[in-house]
Amino acid sequence: MYKNIITIKNDTPSKKLLSIYEIAANAFNNRAGRLESTSKNPYILVFEGGDNYYACLELGMFELRDNKDFMDCVQAWQWVDENPDESCDMLQVFSVS
């Protein structure tokens, strides 16, 4: 199982949260599959799937990385991998690339 756990900044207005959710939902609805956030917290998005959704997760991550409106609202972003050594802070990864 692989997960993207994206925490949205607490000061993000509720109106903007809807837009952020739509941006993320569209990013994880791509040519490799479709995933929906499993989080009940409006400030946390969790997209997860097994091996058959790995490509969907990757495509979604890179689409979101390029969306300034989305990234401006992100407080934290964790990639949780089946192999704990591969889990990482995506904001740190994106800042290097």
Protein backbone atom coordinates (compact mmCIF):
# COMPACT_ATOMS: atom_id res chain seq x y z
CA MET A 1 0.00 0.00 0.00
CA TYR A 2 1.21 3.49 -0.93
CA LYS A 3 -0.14 6.78 0.44
CA ASN A 4 0.03 10.49 -0.19
CA ILE A 5 -0.88 12.37 2.98
CA ILE A 6 -1.27 16.06 2.22
CA THR A 7 -1.93 18.51 5.05
CA ILE A 8 -3.47 21.83 4.07
CA LYS A 9 -2.53 24.98 6.00
CA ASN A 10 -4.92 25.69 8.88
CA ASP A 11 -5.51 29.27 7.75
CA THR A 12 -6.89 28.18 4.37
CA PRO A 13 -10.47 29.52 4.09
CA SER A 14 -13.23 26.94 3.73
CA LYS A 15 -14.13 28.30 0.28
CA LYS A 16 -10.56 27.70 -0.87
CA LEU A 17 -10.63 24.18 0.64
CA LEU A 18 -13.28 23.18 -1.89
CA SER A 19 -11.07 24.38 -4.72
CA ILE A 20 -8.04 22.56 -3.26
CA TYR A 21 -10.04 19.35 -2.95
CA GLU A 22 -11.20 19.59 -6.57
CA ILE A 23 -7.65 20.23 -7.81
CA ALA A 24 -6.40 17.17 -5.91
CA ALA A 25 -9.33 14.97 -6.98
CA ASN A 26 -8.68 15.86 -10.62
CA ALA A 27 -4.95 15.16 -10.26
CA PHE A 28 -5.61 11.67 -8.92
CA ASN A 29 -8.13 10.99 -11.70
CA ASN A 30 -5.65 10.44 -14.49
CA ARG A 31 -4.78 8.02 -17.29
CA ALA A 32 -3.38 5.52 -14.75
CA GLY A 33 -6.53 5.33 -12.62
CA ARG A 34 -8.76 7.17 -10.20
CA LEU A 35 -8.39 7.57 -6.44
CA GLU A 36 -10.44 9.56 -3.96
CA SER A 37 -9.30 11.00 -0.66
CA THR A 38 -10.14 8.72 2.27
CA SER A 39 -9.70 11.43 4.91
CA LYS A 40 -12.62 12.74 6.95
CA ASN A 41 -10.64 15.84 7.94
CA PRO A 42 -11.10 18.69 5.40
CA TYR A 43 -7.52 19.88 6.02
CA ILE A 44 -5.96 16.50 5.27
CA LEU A 45 -6.09 14.66 1.95
CA VAL A 46 -5.16 10.97 1.85
CA PHE A 47 -4.84 9.20 -1.48
CA GLU A 48 -3.82 5.57 -1.23
CA GLY A 49 -3.61 2.43 -3.27
CA GLY A 50 -1.73 -0.77 -3.89
CA ASP A 51 0.69 -1.67 -6.66
CA ASN A 52 -2.01 -1.27 -9.31
CA TYR A 53 -2.41 2.42 -8.32
CA TYR A 54 1.27 3.32 -8.00
CA ALA A 55 1.36 5.07 -11.39
CA CYS A 56 -1.86 6.96 -10.60
CA LEU A 57 -0.32 8.21 -7.36
CA GLU A 58 2.88 9.30 -9.09
CA LEU A 59 1.09 11.12 -11.92
CA GLY A 60 -1.16 12.86 -9.42
CA MET A 61 1.78 13.98 -7.29
CA PHE A 62 3.62 15.54 -10.19
CA GLU A 63 0.52 17.27 -11.49
CA LEU A 64 -0.07 18.81 -8.06
CA ARG A 65 3.57 19.81 -7.74
CA ASP A 66 3.15 22.04 -10.80
CA ASN A 67 -0.04 23.71 -9.53
CA LYS A 68 0.96 26.90 -7.67
CA ASP A 69 -2.54 27.52 -6.27
CA PHE A 70 -2.47 24.07 -4.70
CA MET A 71 1.11 24.15 -3.46
CA ASP A 72 0.65 27.56 -1.82
CA CYS A 73 -1.88 25.93 0.54
CA VAL A 74 0.14 22.83 1.46
CA GLN A 75 1.63 22.69 4.93
CA ALA A 76 3.02 19.13 4.79
CA TRP A 77 3.09 16.25 2.33
CA GLN A 78 4.20 12.74 3.15
CA TRP A 79 4.74 9.81 0.82
CA VAL A 80 4.24 6.57 2.76
CA ASP A 81 5.74 3.61 0.94
CA GLU A 82 5.44 -0.14 1.54
CA ASN A 83 9.18 -0.01 2.13
CA PRO A 84 9.64 2.40 5.06
CA ASP A 85 13.07 3.40 3.73
CA GLU A 86 11.32 4.84 0.65
CA SER A 87 8.85 6.99 2.63
CA CYS A 88 9.69 10.69 2.46
CA ASP A 89 8.71 14.32 2.82
CA MET A 90 7.47 15.30 -0.65
CA LEU A 91 7.88 19.04 -0.01
CA GLN A 92 11.56 18.41 0.60
CA VAL A 93 11.81 16.24 -2.52
CA PHE A 94 10.08 18.88 -4.65
CA SER A 95 12.31 21.65 -3.31
CA VAL A 96 15.36 19.78 -4.63
CA SER A 97 13.95 18.95 -8.06
